[in-house]
C-alpha cells in the first residue's frame, strides 16, 4: 500500500505543478491579449490619422491647383474647364 500512496502523492505533486504552470501561462496570455488590444487600438488611430492627412493633402493640392500654382497649372486648367462645363450644363437645365 505504501507504493500506492507514494504514487498518488507523486501524481498529486505533478498535478499541482501542472496547475501552477497553467495559471502562469493564463496570466501571460492575458497580458499578451491586453498588449495586442492596445496595439490594435494604436494601429486604428494611426489609420484614422493617415486618412485625415490624405484628405488634407488632397484639399491642399486642390487649393494649389485652384490658385494657379505653376506646379499644378495643367490641373488648374482641367478643373476650370470642368467647372465651366458644369455651369453650362446647369444653365441648359435652367433654360428648359
PDB file of N, CA and C in Angstrom:
ATOM      1  N   UNK A   1       0.810  -1.181   0.000  1.00  0.00           N
ATOM      2  CA  UNK A   1       0.000   0.000   0.000  1.00  0.00           C
ATOM      3  C   UNK A   1       0.861   1.256   0.000  1.00  0.00           C
ATOM      4  N   UNK A   2       2.042   1.173   0.564  1.00  0.00           N
ATOM      5  CA  UNK A   2       2.947   2.303   0.643  1.00  0.00           C
ATOM      6  C   UNK A   2       3.358   2.777  -0.748  1.00  0.00           C
ATOM      7  N   UNK A   3       3.586   1.859  -1.657  1.00  0.00           N
ATOM      8  CA  UNK A   3       3.962   2.216  -3.024  1.00  0.00           C
ATOM      9  C   UNK A   3       2.817   2.949  -3.713  1.00  0.00           C
ATOM     10  N   UNK A   4       1.600   2.519  -3.422  1.00  0.00           N
ATOM     11  CA  UNK A   4       0.428   3.165  -3.999  1.00  0.00           C
ATOM     12  C   UNK A   4       0.283   4.590  -3.466  1.00  0.00           C
ATOM     13  N   UNK A   5       0.533   4.801  -2.183  1.00  0.00           N
ATOM     14  CA  UNK A   5       0.468   6.135  -1.584  1.00  0.00           C
ATOM     15  C   UNK A   5       1.543   7.042  -2.178  1.00  0.00           C
ATOM     16  N   UNK A   6       2.734   6.500  -2.373  1.00  0.00           N
ATOM     17  CA  UNK A   6       3.815   7.282  -2.976  1.00  0.00           C
ATOM     18  C   UNK A   6       3.445   7.695  -4.402  1.00  0.00           C
ATOM     19  N   UNK A   7       2.831   6.762  -5.117  1.00  0.00           N
ATOM     20  CA  UNK A   7       2.418   7.055  -6.488  1.00  0.00           C
ATOM     21  C   UNK A   7       1.344   8.141  -6.509  1.00  0.00           C
ATOM     22  N   UNK A   8       0.382   8.056  -5.614  1.00  0.00           N
ATOM     23  CA  UNK A   8      -0.679   9.063  -5.526  1.00  0.00           C
ATOM     24  C   UNK A   8      -0.075  10.410  -5.135  1.00  0.00           C
ATOM     25  N   UNK A   9       0.836  10.412  -4.154  1.00  0.00           N
ATOM     26  CA  UNK A   9       1.499  11.658  -3.745  1.00  0.00           C
ATOM     27  C   UNK A   9       2.279  12.260  -4.915  1.00  0.00           C
ATOM     28  N   UNK A  10       2.974  11.410  -5.654  1.00  0.00           N
ATOM     29  CA  UNK A  10       3.747  11.875  -6.798  1.00  0.00           C
ATOM     30  C   UNK A  10       2.825  12.491  -7.858  1.00  0.00           C
ATOM     31  N   UNK A  11       1.705  11.811  -8.098  1.00  0.00           N
ATOM     32  CA  UNK A  11       0.731  12.341  -9.057  1.00  0.00           C
ATOM     33  C   UNK A  11       0.152  13.666  -8.567  1.00  0.00           C
ATOM     34  N   UNK A  12      -0.104  13.762  -7.270  1.00  0.00           N
ATOM     35  CA  UNK A  12      -0.657  14.996  -6.708  1.00  0.00           C
ATOM     36  C   UNK A  12       0.328  16.152  -6.853  1.00  0.00           C
ATOM     37  N   UNK A  13       1.602  15.898  -6.604  1.00  0.00           N
ATOM     38  CA  UNK A  13       2.633  16.924  -6.756  1.00  0.00           C
ATOM     39  C   UNK A  13       2.720  17.363  -8.217  1.00  0.00           C
ATOM     40  N   UNK A  14       2.727  16.401  -9.109  1.00  0.00           N
ATOM     41  CA  UNK A  14       2.786  16.722 -10.534  1.00  0.00           C
ATOM     42  C   UNK A  14       1.562  17.531 -10.979  1.00  0.00           C
ATOM     43  N   UNK A  15       0.391  17.143 -10.455  1.00  0.00           N
ATOM     44  CA  UNK A  15      -0.834  17.850 -10.789  1.00  0.00           C
ATOM     45  C   UNK A  15      -0.777  19.298 -10.309  1.00  0.00           C
ATOM     46  N   UNK A  16      -0.289  19.521  -9.102  1.00  0.00           N
ATOM     47  CA  UNK A  16      -0.146  20.892  -8.571  1.00  0.00           C
ATOM     48  C   UNK A  16       0.824  21.702  -9.428  1.00  0.00           C
ATOM     49  N   UNK A  17       1.911  21.070  -9.837  1.00  0.00           N
ATOM     50  CA  UNK A  17       2.868  21.766 -10.707  1.00  0.00           C
ATOM     51  C   UNK A  17       2.216  22.145 -12.030  1.00  0.00           C
ATOM     52  N   UNK A  18       1.466  21.203 -12.606  1.00  0.00           N
ATOM     53  CA  UNK A  18       0.788  21.475 -13.875  1.00  0.00           C
ATOM     54  C   UNK A  18      -0.244  22.597 -13.720  1.00  0.00           C
ATOM     55  N   UNK A  19      -0.980  22.577 -12.622  1.00  0.00           N
ATOM     56  CA  UNK A  19      -1.983  23.621 -12.382  1.00  0.00           C
ATOM     57  C   UNK A  19      -1.303  24.974 -12.231  1.00  0.00           C
ATOM     58  N   UNK A  20      -0.187  25.026 -11.505  1.00  0.00           N
ATOM     59  CA  UNK A  20       0.508  26.307 -11.340  1.00  0.00           C
ATOM     60  C   UNK A  20       1.086  26.793 -12.666  1.00  0.00           C
ATOM     61  N   UNK A  21       1.601  25.882 -13.478  1.00  0.00           N
ATOM     62  CA  UNK A  21       2.107  26.258 -14.802  1.00  0.00           C
ATOM     63  C   UNK A  21       0.966  26.759 -15.689  1.00  0.00           C
ATOM     64  N   UNK A  22      -0.179  26.098 -15.598  1.00  0.00           N
ATOM     65  CA  UNK A  22      -1.343  26.520 -16.376  1.00  0.00           C
ATOM     66  C   UNK A  22      -1.773  27.933 -15.971  1.00  0.00           C
ATOM     67  N   UNK A  23      -1.830  28.202 -14.690  1.00  0.00           N
ATOM     68  CA  UNK A  23      -2.211  29.536 -14.205  1.00  0.00           C
ATOM     69  C   UNK A  23      -1.205  30.587 -14.672  1.00  0.00           C
ATOM     70  N   UNK A  24       0.076  30.228 -14.621  1.00  0.00           N
ATOM     71  CA  UNK A  24       1.116  31.153 -15.084  1.00  0.00           C
ATOM     72  C   UNK A  24       0.945  31.452 -16.571  1.00  0.00           C
ATOM     73  N   UNK A  25       0.693  30.413 -17.356  1.00  0.00           N
ATOM     74  CA  UNK A  25       0.513  30.603 -18.802  1.00  0.00           C
ATOM     75  C   UNK A  25      -0.746  31.428 -19.083  1.00  0.00           C
ATOM     76  N   UNK A  26      -1.793  31.228 -18.302  1.00  0.00           N
ATOM     77  CA  UNK A  26      -3.014  32.009 -18.486  1.00  0.00           C
ATOM     78  C   UNK A  26      -2.769  33.486 -18.188  1.00  0.00           C
ATOM     79  N   UNK A  27      -1.986  33.775 -17.161  1.00  0.00           N
ATOM     80  CA  UNK A  27      -1.650  35.164 -16.838  1.00  0.00           C
ATOM     81  C   UNK A  27      -0.830  35.792 -17.964  1.00  0.00           C
ATOM     82  N   UNK A  28       0.126  35.040 -18.475  1.00  0.00           N
ATOM     83  CA  UNK A  28       0.938  35.541 -19.597  1.00  0.00           C
ATOM     84  C   UNK A  28       0.043  35.790 -20.805  1.00  0.00           C
ATOM     85  N   UNK A  29      -0.873  34.868 -21.060  1.00  0.00           N
ATOM     86  CA  UNK A  29      -1.793  35.003 -22.186  1.00  0.00           C
ATOM     87  C   UNK A  29      -2.664  36.254 -22.024  1.00  0.00           C
ATOM     88  N   UNK A  30      -3.171  36.496 -20.840  1.00  0.00           N
ATOM     89  CA  UNK A  30      -3.992  37.686 -20.587  1.00  0.00           C
ATOM     90  C   UNK A  30      -3.186  38.961 -20.819  1.00  0.00           C
ATOM     91  N   UNK A  31      -1.933  38.951 -20.378  1.00  0.00           N
ATOM     92  CA  UNK A  31      -1.066  40.104 -20.607  1.00  0.00           C
ATOM     93  C   UNK A  31      -0.827  40.347 -22.085  1.00  0.00           C
ATOM     94  N   UNK A  32      -0.594  39.271 -22.817  1.00  0.00           N
ATOM     95  CA  UNK A  32      -0.376  39.391 -24.260  1.00  0.00           C
ATOM     96  C   UNK A  32      -1.637  39.864 -24.978  1.00  0.00           C
ATOM     97  N   UNK A  33      -2.793  39.381 -24.531  1.00  0.00           N
ATOM     98  CA  UNK A  33      -4.049  39.825 -25.139  1.00  0.00           C
ATOM     99  C   UNK A  33      -4.288  41.319 -24.889  1.00  0.00           C
ATOM    100  N   UNK A  34      -3.970  41.775 -23.688  1.00  0.00           N
ATOM    101  CA  UNK A  34      -4.122  43.195 -23.373  1.00  0.00           C
ATOM    102  C   UNK A  34      -3.175  44.033 -24.226  1.00  0.00           C
ATOM    103  N   UNK A  35      -1.942  43.565 -24.374  1.00  0.00           N
ATOM    104  CA  UNK A  35      -0.963  44.275 -25.202  1.00  0.00           C
ATOM    105  C   UNK A  35      -1.407  44.305 -26.662  1.00  0.00           C
ATOM    106  N   UNK A  36      -1.951  43.201 -27.140  1.00  0.00           N
ATOM    107  CA  UNK A  36      -2.446  43.132 -28.508  1.00  0.00           C
ATOM    108  C   UNK A  36      -3.592  44.124 -28.716  1.00  0.00           C
ATOM    109  N   UNK A  37      -4.494  44.201 -27.764  1.00  0.00           N
ATOM    110  CA  UNK A  37      -5.620  45.135 -27.871  1.00  0.00           C
ATOM    111  C   UNK A  37      -5.127  46.574 -27.927  1.00  0.00           C
ATOM    112  N   UNK A  38      -4.120  46.896 -27.114  1.00  0.00           N
ATOM    113  CA  UNK A  38      -3.553  48.250 -27.135  1.00  0.00           C
ATOM    114  C   UNK A  38      -2.934  48.555 -28.496  1.00  0.00           C
ATOM    115  N   UNK A  39      -2.194  47.604 -29.033  1.00  0.00           N
ATOM    116  CA  UNK A  39      -1.536  47.814 -30.327  1.00  0.00           C
ATOM    117  C   UNK A  39      -2.559  47.936 -31.452  1.00  0.00           C
ATOM    118  N   UNK A  40      -3.628  47.141 -31.379  1.00  0.00           N
ATOM    119  CA  UNK A  40      -4.675  47.247 -32.398  1.00  0.00           C
ATOM    120  C   UNK A  40      -5.354  48.610 -32.335  1.00  0.00           C
ATOM    121  N   UNK A  41      -5.584  49.108 -31.125  1.00  0.00           N
ATOM    122  CA  UNK A  41      -6.189  50.429 -30.969  1.00  0.00           C
ATOM    123  C   UNK A  41      -5.251  51.510 -31.520  1.00  0.00           C
ATOM    124  N   UNK A  42      -3.961  51.344 -31.270  1.00  0.00           N
ATOM    125  CA  UNK A  42      -2.982  52.306 -31.777  1.00  0.00           C
ATOM    126  C   UNK A  42      -2.950  52.282 -33.307  1.00  0.00           C
ATOM    127  N   UNK A  43      -2.989  51.106 -33.891  1.00  0.00           N
ATOM    128  CA  UNK A  43      -2.992  50.974 -35.348  1.00  0.00           C
ATOM    129  C   UNK A  43      -4.239  51.632 -35.930  1.00  0.00           C
ATOM    130  N   UNK A  44      -5.389  51.405 -35.301  1.00  0.00           N
ATOM    131  CA  UNK A  44      -6.630  52.005 -35.787  1.00  0.00           C
ATOM    132  C   UNK A  44      -6.556  53.530 -35.722  1.00  0.00           C
ATOM    133  N   UNK A  45      -6.003  54.054 -34.637  1.00  0.00           N
ATOM    134  CA  UNK A  45      -5.858  55.507 -34.510  1.00  0.00           C
ATOM    135  C   UNK A  45      -4.912  56.049 -35.582  1.00  0.00           C
ATOM    136  N   UNK A  46      -3.838  55.326 -35.848  1.00  0.00           N
ATOM    137  CA  UNK A  46      -2.890  55.760 -36.874  1.00  0.00           C
ATOM    138  C   UNK A  46      -3.519  55.691 -38.266  1.00  0.00           C
ATOM    139  N   UNK A  47      -4.351  54.697 -38.504  1.00  0.00           N
ATOM    140  CA  UNK A  47      -5.040  54.608 -39.789  1.00  0.00           C
ATOM    141  C   UNK A  47      -5.980  55.792 -39.981  1.00  0.00           C
ATOM    142  N   UNK A  48      -6.695  56.156 -38.910  1.00  0.00           N
ATOM    143  CA  UNK A  48      -7.588  57.312 -38.978  1.00  0.00           C
ATOM    144  C   UNK A  48      -6.796  58.595 -39.237  1.00  0.00           C
ATOM    145  N   UNK A  49      -5.662  58.711 -38.564  1.00  0.00           N
ATOM    146  CA  UNK A  49      -4.809  59.883 -38.763  1.00  0.00           C
ATOM    147  C   UNK A  49      -4.296  59.932 -40.201  1.00  0.00           C
ATOM    148  N   UNK A  50      -3.935  58.787 -40.743  1.00  0.00           N
ATOM    149  CA  UNK A  50      -3.459  58.722 -42.127  1.00  0.00           C
ATOM    150  C   UNK A  50      -4.555  59.160 -43.094  1.00  0.00           C
ATOM    151  N   UNK A  51      -5.770  58.701 -42.863  1.00  0.00           N
ATOM    152  CA  UNK A  51      -6.890  59.096 -43.717  1.00  0.00           C
ATOM    153  C   UNK A  51      -7.092  60.606 -43.656  1.00  0.00           C
ATOM    154  N   UNK A  52      -7.023  61.171 -42.458  1.00  0.00           N
ATOM    155  CA  UNK A  52      -7.175  62.626 -42.309  1.00  0.00           C
ATOM    156  C   UNK A  52      -6.057  63.371 -43.039  1.00  0.00           C
ATOM    157  N   UNK A  53      -4.841  62.877 -42.917  1.00  0.00           N
ATOM    158  CA  UNK A  53      -3.711  63.529 -43.586  1.00  0.00           C
ATOM    159  C   UNK A  53      -3.855  63.445 -45.099  1.00  0.00           C
ATOM    160  N   UNK A  54      -4.324  62.313 -45.588  1.00  0.00           N
ATOM    161  CA  UNK A  54      -4.528  62.173 -47.030  1.00  0.00           C
ATOM    162  C   UNK A  54      -5.607  63.136 -47.521  1.00  0.00           C
ATOM    163  N   UNK A  55      -6.664  63.300 -46.729  1.00  0.00           N
ATOM    164  CA  UNK A  55      -7.719  64.248 -47.103  1.00  0.00           C
ATOM    165  C   UNK A  55      -7.183  65.680 -47.086  1.00  0.00           C
ATOM    166  N   UNK A  56      -6.377  66.002 -46.080  1.00  0.00           N
ATOM    167  CA  UNK A  56      -5.788  67.339 -46.011  1.00  0.00           C
ATOM    168  C   UNK A  56      -4.866  67.576 -47.211  1.00  0.00           C
ATOM    169  N   UNK A  57      -4.089  66.573 -47.562  1.00  0.00           N
ATOM    170  CA  UNK A  57      -3.192  66.696 -48.702  1.00  0.00           C
ATOM    171  C   UNK A  57      -3.978  66.927 -49.985  1.00  0.00           C
ATOM    172  N   UNK A  58      -5.046  66.162 -50.133  1.00  0.00           N
ATOM    173  CA  UNK A  58      -5.885  66.308 -51.321  1.00  0.00           C
ATOM    174  C   UNK A  58      -6.491  67.709 -51.380  1.00  0.00           C
ATOM    175  N   UNK A  59      -6.937  68.199 -50.248  1.00  0.00           N
ATOM    176  CA  UNK A  59      -7.505  69.550 -50.190  1.00  0.00           C
ATOM    177  C   UNK A  59      -6.453  70.594 -50.518  1.00  0.00           C
ATOM    178  N   UNK A  60      -5.273  70.448 -49.971  1.00  0.00           N
ATOM    179  CA  UNK A  60      -4.190  71.396 -50.258  1.00  0.00           C
ATOM    180  C   UNK A  60      -3.790  71.350 -51.727  1.00  0.00           C
ATOM    181  N   UNK A  61      -3.755  70.159 -52.274  1.00  0.00           N
ATOM    182  CA  UNK A  61      -3.402  70.012 -53.684  1.00  0.00           C
ATOM    183  C   UNK A  61      -4.447  70.698 -54.559  1.00  0.00           C
ATOM    184  N   UNK A  62      -5.709  70.501 -54.219  1.00  0.00           N
ATOM    185  CA  UNK A  62      -6.788  71.141 -54.970  1.00  0.00           C
ATOM    186  C   UNK A  62      -6.714  72.652 -54.827  1.00  0.00           C
ATOM    187  N   UNK A  63      -6.435  73.135 -53.616  1.00  0.00           N
ATOM    188  CA  UNK A  63      -6.312  74.571 -53.382  1.00  0.00           C
ATOM    189  C   UNK A  63      -5.177  75.147 -54.203  1.00  0.00           C
ATOM    190  N   UNK A  64      -4.048  74.485 -54.216  1.00  0.00           N
ATOM    191  CA  UNK A  64      -2.914  74.948 -55.020  1.00  0.00           C
ATOM    192  C   UNK A  64      -3.266  74.987 -56.503  1.00  0.00           C
ATOM    193  N   UNK A  65      -3.984  73.976 -56.950  1.00  0.00           N
ATOM    194  CA  UNK A  65      -4.346  73.957 -58.369  1.00  0.00           C
ATOM    195  C   UNK A  65      -5.330  75.072 -58.686  1.00  0.00           C
ATOM    196  N   UNK A  66      -6.222  75.377 -57.753  1.00  0.00           N
ATOM    197  CA  UNK A  66      -7.191  76.453 -57.982  1.00  0.00           C
ATOM    198  C   UNK A  66      -6.526  77.825 -57.925  1.00  0.00           C
ATOM    199  N   UNK A  67      -5.469  77.938 -57.157  1.00  0.00           N
ATOM    200  CA  UNK A  67      -4.769  79.219 -57.041  1.00  0.00           C
ATOM    201  C   UNK A  67      -3.826  79.460 -58.207  1.00  0.00           C
ATOM    202  N   UNK A  68      -3.682  78.488 -59.051  1.00  0.00           N
ATOM    203  CA  UNK A  68      -2.863  78.674 -60.237  1.00  0.00           C
ATOM    204  C   UNK A  68      -1.393  78.437 -60.014  1.00  0.00           C
ATOM    205  N   UNK A  69      -1.067  77.592 -59.097  1.00  0.00           N
ATOM    206  CA  UNK A  69       0.323  77.252 -58.846  1.00  0.00           C
ATOM    207  C   UNK A  69       0.949  76.688 -60.119  1.00  0.00           C
ATOM    208  N   UNK A  70       2.193  77.071 -60.390  1.00  0.00           N
ATOM    209  CA  UNK A  70       2.895  76.592 -61.592  1.00  0.00           C
ATOM    210  C   UNK A  70       2.959  75.069 -61.623  1.00  0.00           C
ATOM    211  N   UNK A  71       3.119  74.492 -60.479  1.00  0.00           N
ATOM    212  CA  UNK A  71       3.255  73.038 -60.387  1.00  0.00           C
ATOM    213  C   UNK A  71       1.980  72.337 -60.844  1.00  0.00           C
ATOM    214  N   UNK A  72       0.843  72.958 -60.605  1.00  0.00           N
ATOM    215  CA  UNK A  72      -0.439  72.343 -60.919  1.00  0.00           C
ATOM    216  C   UNK A  72      -1.187  73.109 -62.020  1.00  0.00           C
ATOM    217  N   UNK A  73      -0.463  73.733 -62.910  1.00  0.00           N
ATOM    218  CA  UNK A  73      -1.070  74.562 -63.948  1.00  0.00           C
ATOM    219  C   UNK A  73      -2.022  73.740 -64.828  1.00  0.00           C
ATOM    220  N   UNK A  74      -1.600  72.576 -65.241  1.00  0.00           N
ATOM    221  CA  UNK A  74      -2.437  71.719 -66.086  1.00  0.00           C
ATOM    222  C   UNK A  74      -3.697  71.307 -65.340  1.00  0.00           C
ATOM    223  N   UNK A  75      -3.529  70.907 -64.086  1.00  0.00           N
ATOM    224  CA  UNK A  75      -4.680  70.511 -63.280  1.00  0.00           C
ATOM    225  C   UNK A  75      -5.631  71.684 -63.081  1.00  0.00           C
ATOM    226  N   UNK A  76      -5.095  72.889 -62.938  1.00  0.00           N
ATOM    227  CA  UNK A  76      -5.920  74.080 -62.777  1.00  0.00           C
ATOM    228  C   UNK A  76      -6.778  74.292 -64.014  1.00  0.00           C
ATOM    229  N   UNK A  77      -6.171  74.178 -65.188  1.00  0.00           N
ATOM    230  CA  UNK A  77      -6.912  74.353 -66.433  1.00  0.00           C
ATOM    231  C   UNK A  77      -8.010  73.294 -66.560  1.00  0.00           C
ATOM    232  N   UNK A  78      -7.684  72.065 -66.217  1.00  0.00           N
ATOM    233  CA  UNK A  78      -8.681  70.998 -66.295  1.00  0.00           C
ATOM    234  C   UNK A  78      -9.833  71.243 -65.328  1.00  0.00           C
ATOM    235  N   UNK A  79      -9.515  71.690 -64.140  1.00  0.00           N
ATOM    236  CA  UNK A  79     -10.548  71.960 -63.144  1.00  0.00           C
ATOM    237  C   UNK A  79     -11.434  73.116 -63.596  1.00  0.00           C
ATOM    238  N   UNK A  80     -10.847  74.169 -64.137  1.00  0.00           N
ATOM    239  CA  UNK A  80     -11.624  75.312 -64.631  1.00  0.00           C
ATOM    240  C   UNK A  80     -12.528  74.866 -65.773  1.00  0.00           C
ATOM    241  N   UNK A  81     -12.001  74.075 -66.698  1.00  0.00           N
ATOM    242  CA  UNK A  81     -12.810  73.573 -67.809  1.00  0.00           C
ATOM    243  C   UNK A  81     -13.977  72.717 -67.304  1.00  0.00           C
ATOM    244  N   UNK A  82     -13.716  71.895 -66.297  1.00  0.00           N
ATOM    245  CA  UNK A  82     -14.776  71.065 -65.733  1.00  0.00           C
ATOM    246  C   UNK A  82     -15.849  71.937 -65.082  1.00  0.00           C
ATOM    247  N   UNK A  83     -15.422  72.982 -64.388  1.00  0.00           N
ATOM    248  CA  UNK A  83     -16.387  73.889 -63.756  1.00  0.00           C
ATOM    249  C   UNK A  83     -17.217  74.619 -64.805  1.00  0.00           C
ATOM    250  N   UNK A  84     -16.574  75.040 -65.884  1.00  0.00           N
ATOM    251  CA  UNK A  84     -17.296  75.724 -66.964  1.00  0.00           C
ATOM    252  C   UNK A  84     -18.328  74.788 -67.587  1.00  0.00           C
ATOM    253  N   UNK A  85     -17.963  73.553 -67.826  1.00  0.00           N
ATOM    254  CA  UNK A  85     -18.901  72.580 -68.387  1.00  0.00           C
ATOM    255  C   UNK A  85     -20.077  72.357 -67.435  1.00  0.00           C
ATOM    256  N   UNK A  86     -19.779  72.292 -66.149  1.00  0.00           N
ATOM    257  CA  UNK A  86     -20.831  72.091 -65.162  1.00  0.00           C
ATOM    258  C   UNK A  86     -21.777  73.292 -65.136  1.00  0.00           C
ATOM    259  N   UNK A  87     -21.235  74.499 -65.221  1.00  0.00           N
ATOM    260  CA  UNK A  87     -22.061  75.714 -65.246  1.00  0.00           C
ATOM    261  C   UNK A  87     -22.909  75.737 -66.515  1.00  0.00           C
ATOM    262  N   UNK A  88     -22.310  75.402 -67.648  1.00  0.00           N
ATOM    263  CA  UNK A  88     -23.061  75.345 -68.905  1.00  0.00           C
ATOM    264  C   UNK A  88     -24.207  74.340 -68.810  1.00  0.00           C
ATOM    265  N   UNK A  89     -23.938  73.210 -68.216  1.00  0.00           N
ATOM    266  CA  UNK A  89     -24.967  72.188 -68.053  1.00  0.00           C
ATOM    267  C   UNK A  89     -26.113  72.724 -67.176  1.00  0.00           C
ATOM    268  N   UNK A  90     -25.768  73.419 -66.102  1.00  0.00           N
ATOM    269  CA  UNK A  90     -26.780  73.996 -65.208  1.00  0.00           C
ATOM    270  C   UNK A  90     -27.620  75.026 -65.943  1.00  0.00           C
ATOM    271  N   UNK A  91     -26.964  75.880 -66.734  1.00  0.00           N
ATOM    272  CA  UNK A  91     -27.681  76.902 -67.498  1.00  0.00           C
ATOM    273  C   UNK A  91     -28.638  76.237 -68.479  1.00  0.00           C
ATOM    274  N   UNK A  92     -28.180  75.163 -69.120  1.00  0.00           N
ATOM    275  CA  UNK A  92     -29.022  74.431 -70.058  1.00  0.00           C
ATOM    276  C   UNK A  92     -30.233  73.844 -69.342  1.00  0.00           C
ATOM    277  N   UNK A  93     -30.011  73.303 -68.186  1.00  0.00           N
ATOM    278  CA  UNK A  93     -31.112  72.711 -67.418  1.00  0.00           C
ATOM    279  C   UNK A  93     -32.116  73.774 -66.982  1.00  0.00           C
ATOM    280  N   UNK A  94     -31.623  74.961 -66.632  1.00  0.00           N
ATOM    281  CA  UNK A  94     -32.498  76.044 -66.170  1.00  0.00           C
ATOM    282  C   UNK A  94     -33.298  76.654 -67.328  1.00  0.00           C
ATOM    283  N   UNK A  95     -32.738  76.619 -68.519  1.00  0.00           N
ATOM    284  CA  UNK A  95     -33.416  77.233 -69.658  1.00  0.00           C
ATOM    285  C   UNK A  95     -34.491  76.333 -70.248  1.00  0.00           C
ATOM    286  N   UNK A  96     -34.557  75.100 -69.873  1.00  0.00           N
ATOM    287  CA  UNK A  96     -35.556  74.159 -70.413  1.00  0.00           C
ATOM    288  C   UNK A  96     -36.889  74.367 -69.751  1.00  0.00           C
TER     289      UNK A  96
END
